[in-house]
Every structure is written in structure tokens, then in C-alpha cells.
C-alpha atoms as a PDB file:
ATOM      1  CA  MET A   1     -27.239  10.519 -63.774  1.00  0.00           C
ATOM      2  CA  THR A   2     -27.264   7.914 -66.613  1.00  0.00           C
ATOM      3  CA  LEU A   3     -27.638   4.215 -65.936  1.00  0.00           C
ATOM      4  CA  TRP A   4     -25.764   1.996 -68.318  1.00  0.00           C
ATOM      5  CA  ARG A   5     -28.340  -0.316 -69.838  1.00  0.00           C
ATOM      6  CA  LYS A   6     -25.951  -3.212 -70.438  1.00  0.00           C
ATOM      7  CA  GLU A   7     -24.996  -3.211 -66.714  1.00  0.00           C
ATOM      8  CA  ILE A   8     -28.564  -3.398 -65.644  1.00  0.00           C
ATOM      9  CA  TRP A   9     -29.380  -6.340 -67.923  1.00  0.00           C
ATOM     10  CA  SER A  10     -26.310  -8.288 -67.053  1.00  0.00           C
ATOM     11  CA  ALA A  11     -26.907  -7.662 -63.362  1.00  0.00           C
ATOM     12  CA  MET A  12     -30.585  -8.622 -63.679  1.00  0.00           C
ATOM     13  CA  HIS A  13     -29.550 -12.032 -65.045  1.00  0.00           C
ATOM     14  CA  LYS A  14     -27.584 -12.933 -61.864  1.00  0.00           C
ATOM     15  CA  PRO A  15     -30.309 -12.669 -59.138  1.00  0.00           C
ATOM     16  CA  VAL A  16     -33.594 -14.523 -59.579  1.00  0.00           C
ATOM     17  CA  SER A  17     -34.913 -12.264 -62.306  1.00  0.00           C
ATOM     18  CA  PRO A  18     -36.813 -14.379 -64.954  1.00  0.00           C
ATOM     19  CA  LYS A  19     -35.114 -14.346 -68.342  1.00  0.00           C
ATOM     20  CA  LYS A  20     -38.438 -13.236 -69.953  1.00  0.00           C
ATOM     21  CA  LEU A  21     -38.642 -10.203 -67.647  1.00  0.00           C
ATOM     22  CA  VAL A  22     -35.093  -9.136 -68.590  1.00  0.00           C
ATOM     23  CA  ILE A  23     -35.877  -9.517 -72.318  1.00  0.00           C
ATOM     24  CA  LEU A  24     -39.080  -7.474 -72.044  1.00  0.00           C
ATOM     25  CA  CYS A  25     -37.238  -4.679 -70.073  1.00  0.00           C
ATOM     26  CA  ARG A  26     -34.623  -4.612 -72.855  1.00  0.00           C
ATOM     27  CA  ILE A  27     -37.232  -4.398 -75.596  1.00  0.00           C
ATOM     28  CA  LEU A  28     -39.000  -1.554 -73.826  1.00  0.00           C
ATOM     29  CA  ASN A  29     -35.725   0.371 -73.547  1.00  0.00           C
ATOM     30  CA  ASN A  30     -34.558  -0.339 -77.157  1.00  0.00           C
ATOM     31  CA  GLU A  31     -35.102   2.110 -80.058  1.00  0.00           C
ATOM     32  CA  VAL A  32     -36.309   4.890 -77.787  1.00  0.00           C
ATOM     33  CA  TYR A  33     -36.932   8.228 -79.447  1.00  0.00           C
ATOM     34  CA  ALA A  34     -38.033  11.561 -78.012  1.00  0.00           C
ATOM     35  CA  LYS A  35     -38.861  15.196 -78.874  1.00  0.00           C
ATOM     36  CA  VAL A  36     -38.417  18.256 -76.759  1.00  0.00           C
ATOM     37  CA  LYS A  37     -41.163  20.853 -76.599  1.00  0.00           C
ATOM     38  CA  ILE A  38     -40.326  24.462 -75.571  1.00  0.00           C
ATOM     39  CA  GLY A  39     -43.328  26.689 -75.540  1.00  0.00           C
ATOM     40  CA  GLU A  40     -44.984  26.040 -79.001  1.00  0.00           C
ATOM     41  CA  HIS A  41     -41.810  24.748 -80.647  1.00  0.00           C
ATOM     42  CA  LEU A  42     -41.280  20.973 -81.073  1.00  0.00           C
ATOM     43  CA  SER A  43     -37.782  19.758 -81.787  1.00  0.00           C
ATOM     44  CA  SER A  44     -36.952  17.010 -84.251  1.00  0.00           C
ATOM     45  CA  GLU A  45     -36.957  13.437 -83.156  1.00  0.00           C
ATOM     46  CA  PHE A  46     -33.704  12.086 -81.527  1.00  0.00           C
ATOM     47  CA  ASN A  47     -32.538   8.696 -80.302  1.00  0.00           C
ATOM     48  CA  ILE A  48     -32.066   8.048 -76.532  1.00  0.00           C
ATOM     49  CA  ASN A  49     -29.587   5.240 -76.298  1.00  0.00           C
ATOM     50  CA  LYS A  50     -28.596   5.286 -72.696  1.00  0.00           C
ATOM     51  CA  GLY A  51     -30.439   5.681 -69.418  1.00  0.00           C
ATOM     52  CA  LEU A  52     -34.083   4.935 -68.700  1.00  0.00           C
ATOM     53  CA  ARG A  53     -37.192   6.385 -70.088  1.00  0.00           C
ATOM     54  CA  GLN A  54     -38.434   9.272 -68.021  1.00  0.00           C
ATOM     55  CA  GLY A  55     -42.062   8.859 -66.971  1.00  0.00           C
ATOM     56  CA  ASP A  56     -41.986   5.125 -67.818  1.00  0.00           C
ATOM     57  CA  ALA A  57     -43.828   3.001 -65.264  1.00  0.00           C
ATOM     58  CA  ILE A  58     -41.014   0.448 -65.054  1.00  0.00           C
ATOM     59  CA  ALA A  59     -38.120   2.995 -64.752  1.00  0.00           C
ATOM     60  CA  PRO A  60     -38.313   3.380 -61.010  1.00  0.00           C
ATOM     61  CA  LEU A  61     -38.265  -0.442 -60.603  1.00  0.00           C
ATOM     62  CA  LEU A  62     -35.220  -0.741 -62.837  1.00  0.00           C
ATOM     63  CA  PHE A  63     -33.522   2.111 -60.922  1.00  0.00           C
ATOM     64  CA  ASN A  64     -34.267   0.372 -57.606  1.00  0.00           C
ATOM     65  CA  ILE A  65     -32.916  -2.882 -58.946  1.00  0.00           C
ATOM     66  CA  SER A  66     -29.697  -1.073 -60.046  1.00  0.00           C
ATOM     67  CA  ILE A  67     -29.365   0.626 -56.622  1.00  0.00           C
ATOM     68  CA  GLY A  68     -29.849  -2.716 -54.859  1.00  0.00           C
ATOM     69  CA  ILE A  69     -27.203  -4.409 -57.133  1.00  0.00           C
ATOM     70  CA  THR A  70     -24.784  -1.530 -56.441  1.00  0.00           C
ATOM     71  CA  ILE A  71     -25.259  -1.890 -52.676  1.00  0.00           C
ATOM     72  CA  ARG A  72     -24.700  -5.702 -52.948  1.00  0.00           C
ATOM     73  CA  ARG A  73     -21.564  -5.323 -55.068  1.00  0.00           C
ATOM     74  CA  SER A  74     -20.197  -2.806 -52.657  1.00  0.00           C
ATOM     75  CA  LYS A  75     -19.978  -5.521 -49.991  1.00  0.00           C
ATOM     76  CA  VAL A  76     -21.709  -3.275 -47.517  1.00  0.00           C
ATOM     77  CA  GLU A  77     -23.259  -5.367 -44.777  1.00  0.00           C
ATOM     78  CA  THR A  78     -27.013  -4.687 -44.945  1.00  0.00           C
ATOM     79  CA  TRP A  79     -28.189  -6.946 -41.986  1.00  0.00           C
ATOM     80  CA  GLY A  80     -28.701  -5.658 -38.493  1.00  0.00           C
ATOM     81  CA  THR A  81     -28.616  -2.088 -37.252  1.00  0.00           C
ATOM     82  CA  ILE A  82     -26.060   0.435 -36.183  1.00  0.00           C
ATOM     83  CA  PHE A  83     -26.192  -1.111 -32.689  1.00  0.00           C
ATOM     84  CA  ASP A  84     -24.647  -4.356 -33.885  1.00  0.00           C
ATOM     85  CA  LYS A  85     -22.140  -3.039 -36.393  1.00  0.00           C
ATOM     86  CA  CYS A  86     -19.960   0.019 -37.270  1.00  0.00           C
ATOM     87  CA  SER A  87     -22.054   1.318 -40.222  1.00  0.00           C
ATOM     88  CA  GLN A  88     -25.605   1.273 -41.526  1.00  0.00           C
ATOM     89  CA  ILE A  89     -26.983   2.104 -44.943  1.00  0.00           C
ATOM     90  CA  MET A  90     -30.452   3.082 -45.843  1.00  0.00           C
ATOM     91  CA  ALA A  91     -31.746   3.856 -49.321  1.00  0.00           C
ATOM     92  CA  PHE A  92     -35.031   5.229 -50.656  1.00  0.00           C
ATOM     93  CA  ALA A  93     -35.259   5.951 -54.430  1.00  0.00           C
ATOM     94  CA  ASP A  94     -32.101   7.877 -55.295  1.00  0.00           C
ATOM     95  CA  ASP A  95     -31.430   8.984 -51.746  1.00  0.00           C
ATOM     96  CA  VAL A  96     -28.865   7.034 -49.668  1.00  0.00           C
ATOM     97  CA  VAL A  97     -28.109   7.559 -46.065  1.00  0.00           C
ATOM     98  CA  ILE A  98     -24.871   6.196 -44.511  1.00  0.00           C
ATOM     99  CA  MET A  99     -24.466   6.148 -40.685  1.00  0.00           C
ATOM    100  CA  GLY A 100     -21.422   5.146 -38.839  1.00  0.00           C
ATOM    101  CA  ARG A 101     -19.874   5.045 -35.359  1.00  0.00           C
ATOM    102  CA  ARG A 102     -16.772   6.637 -36.731  1.00  0.00           C
ATOM    103  CA  LEU A 103     -16.097   9.061 -39.629  1.00  0.00           C
ATOM    104  CA  GLN A 104     -13.736   6.454 -41.166  1.00  0.00           C
ATOM    105  CA  ASP A 105     -16.617   3.843 -41.193  1.00  0.00           C
ATOM    106  CA  VAL A 106     -18.783   6.195 -43.195  1.00  0.00           C
ATOM    107  CA  GLU A 107     -16.007   7.151 -45.515  1.00  0.00           C
ATOM    108  CA  ASP A 108     -15.171   3.462 -46.207  1.00  0.00           C
ATOM    109  CA  VAL A 109     -18.762   2.715 -47.101  1.00  0.00           C
ATOM    110  CA  PHE A 110     -19.093   5.847 -49.206  1.00  0.00           C
ATOM    111  CA  MET A 111     -15.967   5.114 -51.207  1.00  0.00           C
ATOM    112  CA  SER A 112     -17.093   1.575 -51.862  1.00  0.00           C
ATOM    113  CA  LEU A 113     -20.571   2.855 -52.952  1.00  0.00           C
ATOM    114  CA  VAL A 114     -19.021   5.483 -55.251  1.00  0.00           C
ATOM    115  CA  GLU A 115     -16.788   2.901 -56.894  1.00  0.00           C
ATOM    116  CA  GLN A 116     -19.793   0.608 -57.626  1.00  0.00           C
ATOM    117  CA  THR A 117     -22.226   3.306 -58.703  1.00  0.00           C
ATOM    118  CA  ASN A 118     -19.623   4.537 -61.256  1.00  0.00           C
ATOM    119  CA  LYS A 119     -19.571   1.008 -62.683  1.00  0.00           C
ATOM    120  CA  MET A 120     -23.361   1.194 -63.190  1.00  0.00           C
ATOM    121  CA  GLY A 121     -23.093   4.577 -64.860  1.00  0.00           C
ATOM    122  CA  LEU A 122     -24.364   6.483 -61.841  1.00  0.00           C
ATOM    123  CA  GLU A 123     -22.694   9.516 -60.242  1.00  0.00           C
ATOM    124  CA  VAL A 124     -22.931  10.926 -56.782  1.00  0.00           C
ATOM    125  CA  ASN A 125     -24.187  14.450 -56.850  1.00  0.00           C
ATOM    126  CA  GLU A 126     -21.611  16.366 -54.858  1.00  0.00           C
ATOM    127  CA  ARG A 127     -23.773  19.499 -54.581  1.00  0.00           C
ATOM    128  CA  ARG A 128     -26.516  17.490 -52.907  1.00  0.00           C
ATOM    129  CA  THR A 129     -24.237  15.424 -50.704  1.00  0.00           C
ATOM    130  CA  LYS A 130     -24.416  16.438 -47.059  1.00  0.00           C
ATOM    131  CA  PHE A 131     -22.949  15.087 -43.853  1.00  0.00           C
ATOM    132  CA  LEU A 132     -23.715  15.568 -40.226  1.00  0.00           C
ATOM    133  CA  ILE A 133     -21.541  14.814 -37.352  1.00  0.00           C
ATOM    134  CA  VAL A 134     -23.334  14.007 -34.044  1.00  0.00           C
ATOM    135  CA  SER A 135     -21.368  13.548 -30.824  1.00  0.00           C
END
């Protein structure tokens, strides 16, 4: 899963994010280098030019911002509960739950989310995707 940085920065400009915050986030994620350690061996330095820095304190916040933007762009109605509409979406970190009254409602929301997550550089992990039908 790799977030496209340009998408995050442009999307952050649209809500109420202060311009200074967006610039600081860009600076923190610019010119990022890493090394890999396996046992006692340390690799040579390499540039990380996409995605977010693992272990960075601001990375979870940027990821949550990107998921929120993805949900808004997908035009999924986020108000109310499953009792007043056909589908409901809940998200926590990188886990998303879609509930619906009909299978078609869940599928419509899922396809809309997949389309928008792809635009942000995210992918749905098919191996971890599960569904449950309750009647």
C-alpha cells in the first residue's frame, strides 16, 4: 500500500488545512532516505520517494486524512445509521467496514471506494477482504 504524496498534498489544500501545515508535511516527507538492517548487515542508503515514513509520528494522521478524503470523494453518505439508509460505512485506521441492507448496496459502496482509493495510490488487500451475510 503506497499513498501518492501529490494526491495527499493537493487533497489537504481543499478542506480547512492551513497552508503552513501542508508545507510542513511536504518538507517532512521530502528527501527521505533509509537503510535496511538484516542481522548485523546494514544496506546502503536508498531514497524513499513515495508513501509515508514508517514510524513517523505524523504518518498515521496523514493516512487518516487520506482515508477521510477517499470516503468523501466516493460520495458515500456518512450521516445517520443503517436504520435510516441502505448502507453504512465505518473506518478505523486501515480497516473499513461496509454494511448494507442488500448485497447490491454493499457492492456499490465497495466499488466506489475501490475507485477512489486507487486514485490515492492505495489498494484493497483482497486476501484480507472478508464478507459476512446475515439474514
